[in-house]
Protein backbone atom coordinates (compact mmCIF):
# COMPACT_ATOMS: atom_id res chain seq x y z
CA MET A 1 20.29 -78.00 -11.26
CA ALA A 2 21.16 -76.99 -7.85
CA GLU A 3 21.84 -73.33 -6.57
CA LYS A 4 25.31 -72.94 -5.87
CA ILE A 5 26.33 -72.67 -2.27
CA PRO A 6 28.42 -69.79 -1.57
CA VAL A 7 32.25 -70.28 0.14
CA ASP A 8 34.25 -68.02 0.91
CA LEU A 9 37.97 -69.06 1.47
CA TRP A 10 40.43 -66.24 3.14
CA PHE A 11 43.90 -66.71 1.81
CA ASP A 12 47.22 -65.27 1.95
CA PRO A 13 49.09 -65.23 -1.12
CA ALA A 14 52.32 -66.35 0.53
CA CYS A 15 50.87 -69.17 2.15
CA PRO A 16 51.35 -72.47 -0.05
CA PHE A 17 49.41 -74.76 2.13
CA ALA A 18 46.62 -72.31 1.37
CA TRP A 19 47.04 -72.14 -2.26
CA VAL A 20 46.86 -75.90 -2.38
CA THR A 21 43.67 -75.66 -0.76
CA SER A 22 42.29 -73.15 -2.96
CA ARG A 23 43.16 -75.28 -5.54
CA TRP A 24 41.42 -78.15 -4.18
CA LEU A 25 38.54 -75.81 -3.64
CA LEU A 26 37.92 -75.23 -7.42
CA GLU A 27 38.18 -78.79 -8.12
CA VAL A 28 35.41 -79.50 -5.82
CA GLU A 29 33.67 -76.41 -7.87
CA GLN A 30 33.64 -79.24 -10.86
CA VAL A 31 31.92 -81.80 -8.85
CA ARG A 32 29.61 -79.96 -6.31
CA PRO A 33 27.46 -77.09 -6.16
CA ILE A 34 29.48 -74.80 -4.26
CA GLU A 35 30.96 -71.32 -5.37
CA PRO A 36 34.18 -70.40 -4.54
CA ARG A 37 34.54 -66.87 -3.34
CA PHE A 38 38.21 -65.40 -2.83
CA ARG A 39 39.25 -63.19 0.19
CA PHE A 40 42.02 -61.96 1.71
CA MET A 41 43.99 -61.92 4.79
CA SER A 42 47.22 -61.63 6.42
CA LEU A 43 50.03 -63.65 8.00
CA HIS A 44 51.68 -60.25 9.01
CA PHE A 45 48.71 -59.49 10.42
CA LEU A 46 47.89 -62.58 12.31
CA ASN A 47 51.32 -62.55 13.80
CA GLU A 48 52.34 -59.43 14.66
CA ASP A 49 52.32 -59.20 18.47
CA LYS A 50 52.79 -63.27 18.78
CA ASP A 51 56.04 -65.12 19.84
CA VAL A 52 57.37 -66.12 16.06
CA PRO A 53 60.83 -66.31 14.85
CA GLU A 54 61.82 -62.95 13.58
CA ASP A 55 62.61 -64.24 10.19
CA TYR A 56 59.23 -65.48 9.80
CA LYS A 57 57.83 -61.87 10.51
CA ALA A 58 59.94 -60.18 8.25
CA ARG A 59 58.94 -62.58 5.79
CA ALA A 60 55.33 -61.88 6.95
CA ALA A 61 55.72 -58.29 6.48
CA LYS A 62 57.23 -58.13 2.90
CA ALA A 63 54.36 -60.59 1.59
CA MET A 64 52.16 -58.18 2.81
CA GLY A 65 52.76 -56.18 -0.98
CA SER A 66 51.18 -58.62 -3.04
CA ILE A 67 47.90 -58.43 -0.24
CA ARG A 68 47.97 -54.41 -0.50
CA VAL A 69 47.99 -55.07 -4.61
CA VAL A 70 45.02 -57.40 -4.10
CA ALA A 71 43.13 -54.75 -2.10
CA ALA A 72 44.22 -51.97 -4.01
CA ALA A 73 42.85 -54.19 -7.38
CA ALA A 74 39.88 -54.78 -6.08
CA ALA A 75 38.72 -51.62 -4.60
CA LYS A 76 39.37 -49.87 -8.18
CA HIS A 77 38.30 -52.53 -10.20
CA GLY A 78 36.63 -55.36 -8.75
CA GLU A 79 35.91 -58.28 -6.49
CA GLU A 80 36.47 -60.20 -8.88
CA TYR A 81 39.79 -59.50 -9.63
CA VAL A 82 40.82 -60.54 -6.00
CA GLY A 83 40.15 -64.85 -7.06
CA GLN A 84 41.59 -63.89 -10.54
CA LEU A 85 44.77 -62.11 -9.41
CA TYR A 86 45.16 -64.56 -6.70
CA THR A 87 45.52 -67.58 -8.93
CA GLU A 88 47.90 -65.64 -11.33
CA LEU A 89 50.48 -64.53 -7.90
CA GLY A 90 49.44 -68.56 -6.51
CA THR A 91 51.22 -69.75 -9.88
CA ARG A 92 54.31 -67.56 -9.94
CA LEU A 93 55.01 -67.40 -6.09
CA HIS A 94 54.29 -71.33 -5.66
CA ASN A 95 54.35 -73.16 -8.95
CA GLN A 96 57.16 -71.29 -10.34
CA GLY A 97 59.05 -71.28 -7.70
CA MET A 98 59.18 -67.68 -7.40
CA SER A 99 58.82 -67.26 -3.78
CA LYS A 100 61.86 -68.27 -2.98
CA GLN A 101 63.20 -65.16 -4.98
CA PRO A 102 61.64 -62.03 -2.61
CA GLU A 103 63.68 -59.48 -4.36
CA ARG A 104 61.51 -60.07 -7.31
CA LEU A 105 58.12 -60.01 -5.76
CA ARG A 106 57.47 -56.24 -7.62
CA GLU A 107 57.87 -58.56 -11.40
CA VAL A 108 55.57 -60.94 -10.09
CA ASN A 109 52.99 -58.86 -9.15
CA GLU A 110 53.53 -56.90 -12.09
CA ALA A 111 52.93 -59.65 -14.34
CA ALA A 112 49.93 -60.63 -12.54
CA LEU A 113 48.21 -57.72 -13.25
CA ASP A 114 48.86 -57.75 -16.51
CA ALA A 115 47.96 -61.48 -16.83
CA VAL A 116 44.22 -60.05 -15.66
CA GLY A 117 44.48 -57.04 -17.97
CA LEU A 118 45.03 -54.70 -14.81
CA ASP A 119 47.73 -51.91 -15.32
CA LYS A 120 50.77 -52.85 -13.90
CA ASN A 121 51.29 -49.63 -11.89
CA LEU A 122 48.78 -51.30 -9.34
CA ALA A 123 51.81 -52.54 -8.21
CA ASP A 124 52.39 -49.29 -6.66
CA ALA A 125 50.33 -50.34 -3.82
CA MET A 126 53.26 -52.87 -2.46
CA GLU A 127 54.70 -50.08 -0.61
CA SER A 128 51.43 -48.29 0.41
CA GLU A 129 49.28 -48.82 3.98
CA GLU A 130 46.71 -47.03 1.71
CA TRP A 131 44.47 -50.46 1.58
CA ASP A 132 45.86 -51.58 5.04
CA GLU A 133 42.63 -50.89 6.94
CA THR A 134 40.46 -52.86 4.13
CA ILE A 135 43.11 -55.39 4.81
CA ARG A 136 42.82 -55.80 8.11
CA ALA A 137 38.97 -55.77 7.82
CA SER A 138 38.82 -58.97 5.58
CA HIS A 139 41.52 -60.49 8.08
CA ASP A 140 39.63 -59.67 11.03
CA GLU A 141 36.32 -61.03 9.59
CA GLY A 142 37.94 -64.28 8.95
CA ILE A 143 40.11 -64.65 11.93
CA THR A 144 37.40 -64.01 14.10
CA LEU A 145 35.18 -67.20 13.11
CA VAL A 146 37.81 -69.57 14.00
CA GLY A 147 39.97 -67.75 16.44
CA GLN A 148 43.66 -66.33 16.87
CA GLU A 149 45.39 -70.22 17.02
CA VAL A 150 45.05 -70.42 13.55
CA GLY A 151 46.44 -69.42 10.35
CA THR A 152 45.44 -69.44 6.76
CA PRO A 153 43.23 -70.98 5.01
CA ILE A 154 40.02 -70.12 6.55
CA ILE A 155 36.79 -71.46 4.82
CA ARG A 156 33.41 -69.96 5.27
CA VAL A 157 30.22 -72.36 4.25
CA GLY A 158 26.57 -70.39 5.82
CA ALA A 159 27.24 -70.40 9.66
CA ASN A 160 29.95 -73.15 9.24
CA ALA A 161 33.61 -72.14 9.43
CA PHE A 162 36.61 -73.43 10.15
CA PHE A 163 40.39 -73.32 9.68
CA GLY A 164 41.79 -75.94 6.76
CA PRO A 165 42.09 -78.48 5.67
CA VAL A 166 45.58 -78.75 5.77
CA ILE A 167 46.75 -80.71 2.37
CA THR A 168 50.02 -81.24 0.37
CA LYS A 169 48.67 -81.90 -2.81
CA ILE A 170 45.45 -81.06 -5.07
CA ILE A 171 42.47 -83.17 -4.44
CA ARG A 172 40.82 -83.88 -7.69
CA GLY A 173 37.73 -85.32 -9.36
CA GLU A 174 35.20 -86.94 -7.26
CA ASN A 175 38.22 -87.37 -4.54
CA ALA A 176 37.83 -83.65 -4.49
CA GLY A 177 34.36 -83.92 -3.49
CA ARG A 178 34.75 -86.83 -1.30
CA LEU A 179 36.72 -84.64 0.89
CA TRP A 180 34.68 -81.84 0.55
CA ASP A 181 32.15 -83.56 1.87
CA GLY A 182 34.28 -85.80 4.76
CA VAL A 183 35.13 -82.02 5.91
CA LEU A 184 31.45 -80.70 5.87
CA ALA A 185 30.56 -83.70 8.09
CA VAL A 186 32.51 -83.13 10.90
CA THR A 187 32.76 -79.10 10.78
CA GLU A 188 29.13 -79.41 10.88
CA PHE A 189 29.06 -80.22 14.62
CA ASP A 190 29.18 -77.16 16.94
CA ASP A 191 31.10 -80.01 19.72
CA PHE A 192 34.18 -80.95 17.27
CA PHE A 193 37.25 -78.64 17.46
CA GLU A 194 39.97 -80.51 16.04
CA LEU A 195 41.33 -84.03 13.71
CA LYS A 196 45.31 -83.72 13.30
CA ARG A 197 48.32 -85.69 12.86
CA THR A 198 51.75 -85.15 12.13
CA ARG A 199 52.72 -83.38 8.51
CA THR A 200 55.37 -85.47 7.43
CA ARG A 201 55.33 -83.95 3.37
CA ARG A 202 56.03 -80.19 1.77
CA PRO A 203 52.94 -79.16 -0.18
CA VAL A 204 53.30 -80.12 -4.73
CA PHE A 205 51.05 -78.08 -6.81
CA ASP A 206 51.08 -80.63 -9.15
């Protein structure tokens, strides 16, 4: 049996495109010898000094609450809870559409904590800056690999790191593996930087 290759994916729970890519990566795990490992980053930190719309900055700042909860859970209970909480948060925020109800973010985090067997009071971390240094360190590690002009998701495979792939649906089965093979084939070249076309579809989470 082939030894599994560690694959790190940096995410912000609020990003729908990172969510689709992360679910695709779990599909890849079923057909290729990889071991996904989830790392947190922050669109708030990424854009705090950039010229982006103020309403976007406000949403990214509010989304920090969920990242803080994930960071607090990992620090107190172990790194294995990063991926588990991301799955529970992403399912609620994206599949169930609760990202459109920011006033319920505390409820979303409490439900995610409860689903993985952790104390719902960990949601208090949403309003605390205690874990921001840890979050920034993880964020900086990921973004340093690919540069400041990208966002989430960031993927690292060994010494190879890249932003994306940006996909609008979860590729499944052997097709997930074929896409993985293709992504690795192009990103392994040091002089390859960009391949892009205009995105015409919103992400779907089926």
